[in-house]
Protein backbone atom coordinates (compact mmCIF):
# COMPACT_ATOMS: atom_id res chain seq x y z
CA UNK A 1 -0.01 -0.07 0.01
CA UNK A 2 3.10 2.36 -0.15
CA UNK A 3 1.98 3.62 -3.50
CA UNK A 4 -1.60 4.30 -2.24
CA UNK A 5 -3.16 7.18 -0.33
CA UNK A 6 -5.94 7.18 2.19
CA UNK A 7 -8.94 8.96 0.70
CA UNK A 8 -10.91 11.16 3.26
CA UNK A 9 -13.95 13.38 3.49
CA UNK A 10 -13.82 16.98 4.53
CA UNK A 11 -13.91 15.89 8.26
CA UNK A 12 -10.88 13.52 7.74
CA UNK A 13 -13.06 10.39 7.92
CA UNK A 14 -11.50 7.60 5.80
CA UNK A 15 -13.56 6.71 2.78
CA UNK A 16 -11.18 4.47 0.79
CA UNK A 17 -7.71 4.27 -0.82
CA UNK A 18 -6.44 5.18 -4.27
CA UNK A 19 -3.16 4.85 -6.16
CA UNK A 20 -1.16 7.95 -5.31
CA UNK A 21 -0.73 9.15 -8.85
CA UNK A 22 -4.37 8.59 -9.74
CA UNK A 23 -5.45 10.48 -6.67
CA UNK A 24 -3.39 13.39 -7.86
CA UNK A 25 -4.72 13.15 -11.33
CA UNK A 26 -8.37 12.81 -10.21
CA UNK A 27 -8.25 15.62 -7.63
CA UNK A 28 -9.28 13.27 -4.78
CA UNK A 29 -9.10 14.55 -1.16
CA UNK A 30 -6.54 12.44 0.68
CA UNK A 31 -4.66 12.37 3.89
CA UNK A 32 -1.11 13.81 4.20
CA UNK A 33 1.35 14.95 6.67
CA UNK A 34 4.08 17.70 7.00
CA UNK A 35 6.82 17.49 9.50
CA UNK A 36 8.81 20.47 11.00
CA UNK A 37 11.89 19.61 13.08
CA UNK A 38 13.27 22.37 15.29
CA UNK A 39 16.69 22.54 16.83
CA UNK A 40 17.66 24.03 20.27
CA UNK A 41 18.20 27.38 18.54
CA UNK A 42 14.47 27.20 17.41
CA UNK A 43 15.51 26.96 13.84
CA UNK A 44 13.61 24.73 11.36
CA UNK A 45 15.17 22.10 9.29
CA UNK A 46 14.24 22.60 5.67
CA UNK A 47 14.83 20.22 2.74
CA UNK A 48 15.29 21.01 -0.91
CA UNK A 49 13.10 18.43 -2.82
CA UNK A 50 14.89 16.35 -5.44
CA UNK A 51 14.48 17.47 -9.07
CA UNK A 52 12.92 14.16 -10.03
CA UNK A 53 9.93 14.45 -7.60
CA UNK A 54 6.57 14.16 -9.42
CA UNK A 55 5.90 17.77 -8.62
CA UNK A 56 7.64 20.58 -6.78
CA UNK A 57 11.08 19.44 -7.68
CA UNK A 58 14.02 21.68 -6.56
CA UNK A 59 11.78 23.66 -4.21
CA UNK A 60 12.56 24.29 -0.52
CA UNK A 61 10.00 22.77 1.83
CA UNK A 62 9.51 21.69 5.43
CA UNK A 63 11.69 18.90 6.94
CA UNK A 64 9.62 15.99 5.48
CA UNK A 65 6.24 15.50 3.93
CA UNK A 66 4.33 12.53 2.59
CA UNK A 67 1.11 10.42 2.91
CA UNK A 68 0.23 8.22 5.91
CA UNK A 69 0.35 4.34 5.28
CA UNK A 70 -2.85 2.47 5.91
CA UNK A 71 -2.82 0.51 9.18
CA UNK A 72 -0.17 2.73 10.72
CA UNK A 73 -0.98 5.67 12.96
CA UNK A 74 -0.21 9.16 11.69
CA UNK A 75 2.76 9.35 13.97
CA UNK A 76 4.11 5.98 12.97
CA UNK A 77 3.76 6.75 9.22
CA UNK A 78 5.40 10.16 9.77
CA UNK A 79 8.34 8.86 11.77
CA UNK A 80 8.90 6.06 9.27
CA UNK A 81 8.99 8.49 6.36
CA UNK A 82 11.39 10.87 8.29
CA UNK A 83 13.93 8.05 8.42
CA UNK A 84 13.44 7.23 4.74
CA UNK A 85 13.80 10.88 3.54
CA UNK A 86 16.14 12.38 6.03
CA UNK A 87 17.78 9.51 7.99
CA UNK A 88 16.23 11.12 11.21
CA UNK A 89 14.48 9.42 14.21
CA UNK A 90 12.53 11.87 16.17
CA UNK A 91 9.46 12.04 18.38
CA UNK A 92 6.66 13.92 16.71
CA UNK A 93 3.52 15.69 18.01
CA UNK A 94 0.62 16.68 15.94
CA UNK A 95 0.04 20.48 16.19
CA UNK A 96 -2.67 21.37 13.62
CA UNK A 97 -4.31 20.26 10.37
CA UNK A 98 -5.60 22.08 7.24
CA UNK A 99 -6.94 21.37 3.79
CA UNK A 100 -5.38 22.79 0.66
CA UNK A 101 -5.85 22.39 -3.10
CA UNK A 102 -3.72 23.43 -5.96
CA UNK A 103 -2.90 22.40 -9.50
CA UNK A 104 0.67 22.03 -10.88
CA UNK A 105 2.02 22.86 -14.36
CA UNK A 106 2.30 19.07 -15.02
CA UNK A 107 -1.51 18.62 -14.68
CA UNK A 108 -1.27 16.93 -11.23
CA UNK A 109 -3.43 18.29 -8.52
CA UNK A 110 -2.98 18.42 -4.80
CA UNK A 111 -6.05 18.12 -2.59
CA UNK A 112 -4.84 17.21 0.83
CA UNK A 113 -5.96 16.95 4.35
CA UNK A 114 -2.57 17.79 5.78
CA UNK A 115 -1.63 16.95 9.40
CA UNK A 116 1.30 19.15 10.69
CA UNK A 117 3.68 17.56 13.22
CA UNK A 118 6.48 19.22 15.16
CA UNK A 119 9.59 17.65 16.63
CA UNK A 120 13.07 18.30 17.95
CA UNK A 121 16.34 17.32 16.25
CA UNK A 122 19.90 18.69 16.75
CA UNK A 123 21.96 16.67 14.19
CA UNK A 124 22.86 16.49 10.59
CA UNK A 125 20.38 14.66 8.34
CA UNK A 126 21.35 11.81 6.04
CA UNK A 127 19.54 12.83 2.92
CA UNK A 128 17.91 10.21 0.61
CA UNK A 129 18.94 11.70 -2.82
CA UNK A 130 15.71 10.46 -4.49
CA UNK A 131 13.87 12.62 -2.03
CA UNK A 132 16.11 15.70 -1.01
CA UNK A 133 19.22 17.18 -2.46
CA UNK A 134 20.02 19.81 0.25
CA UNK A 135 19.05 20.99 3.64
CA UNK A 136 19.41 23.98 5.90
CA UNK A 137 18.46 25.42 9.22
CA UNK A 138 16.52 28.69 9.29
CA UNK A 139 14.69 30.80 11.91
CA UNK A 140 10.94 31.10 11.53
CA UNK A 141 11.14 34.77 10.97
CA UNK A 142 13.87 34.54 8.36
CA UNK A 143 11.81 31.83 6.61
CA UNK A 144 8.76 33.93 6.79
CA UNK A 145 10.58 36.76 5.22
CA UNK A 146 12.06 34.56 2.42
CA UNK A 147 8.71 33.19 1.64
CA UNK A 148 7.22 36.74 1.42
CA UNK A 149 10.05 37.98 -0.88
CA UNK A 150 10.72 34.81 -3.04
CA UNK A 151 7.63 32.65 -2.90
CA UNK A 152 8.59 30.77 -6.00
CA UNK A 153 11.52 29.09 -4.19
CA UNK A 154 9.18 27.29 -1.78
CA UNK A 155 6.43 24.56 -2.06
CA UNK A 156 2.88 25.73 -2.10
CA UNK A 157 2.04 23.92 1.14
CA UNK A 158 4.85 25.57 2.98
CA UNK A 159 3.79 28.97 1.74
CA UNK A 160 0.15 28.31 2.87
CA UNK A 161 1.39 27.12 6.30
CA UNK A 162 3.58 30.20 6.77
CA UNK A 163 0.86 32.60 5.40
CA UNK A 164 -2.19 31.17 7.13
CA UNK A 165 -1.03 29.34 10.20
CA UNK A 166 2.10 31.29 11.31
CA UNK A 167 0.63 31.58 14.88
CA UNK A 168 1.63 27.92 15.51
CA UNK A 169 5.24 28.52 14.66
CA UNK A 170 5.33 31.62 16.88
CA UNK A 171 3.73 29.69 19.62
CA UNK A 172 6.36 26.97 19.31
CA UNK A 173 9.07 29.61 19.53
CA UNK A 174 7.49 31.11 22.68
CA UNK A 175 7.32 27.59 24.17
CA UNK A 176 3.54 27.87 24.54
CA UNK A 177 2.56 24.63 23.03
C-alpha cells in the first residue's frame, strides 16, 4: 500500500484508498502529513526536494512530507517516512491540520488534508537523494521573510502554512505549546 493514499472526506473520515498518482490526477481529497523539526536554537530544518519528484522538484519545503500508510498511525507513518527521506529518528507531535488544493503545471493536482507535526532534532540529516538534495536550518522569521520575498523558491503547502498558520510557529518559538 506504499503507493496508495488514504482518501478522506472534509472531516478527515477515511472513505477508501487510491493509487497515489491517480489520486493526484483525479483531484481526490486524501490524507497527508508535513513534519517540521526544530533545533535547540528554534530553527527549522528545511529540505530541498529532489528534481525528479513528481511535482515541486528543486523547491525548498518543510523537513519532510508524505502520505500516511494504511494500518499505521499518523505518527508511525510520519516517523517512518522521516527516516526514509532524512535519516532522522525523532518523536513527533501533531500540532494542527488544514486542507489545501492546488494544481501544478504538469497537470497533477494536490487536494490534501494535511496534518502538521512538530519535533526536535539537533543533528545532521542523512539525505535520501531520491527525495532531498539539500538541507538548511533557518529561523521562523527568516523563513517567513524569504517566503514573502521569493515565494517561487518554496512549495505551495509551505507557503500556505506560513501565510495562514504562522501563529503555530510563533507559539512553538514562545514555548507555549
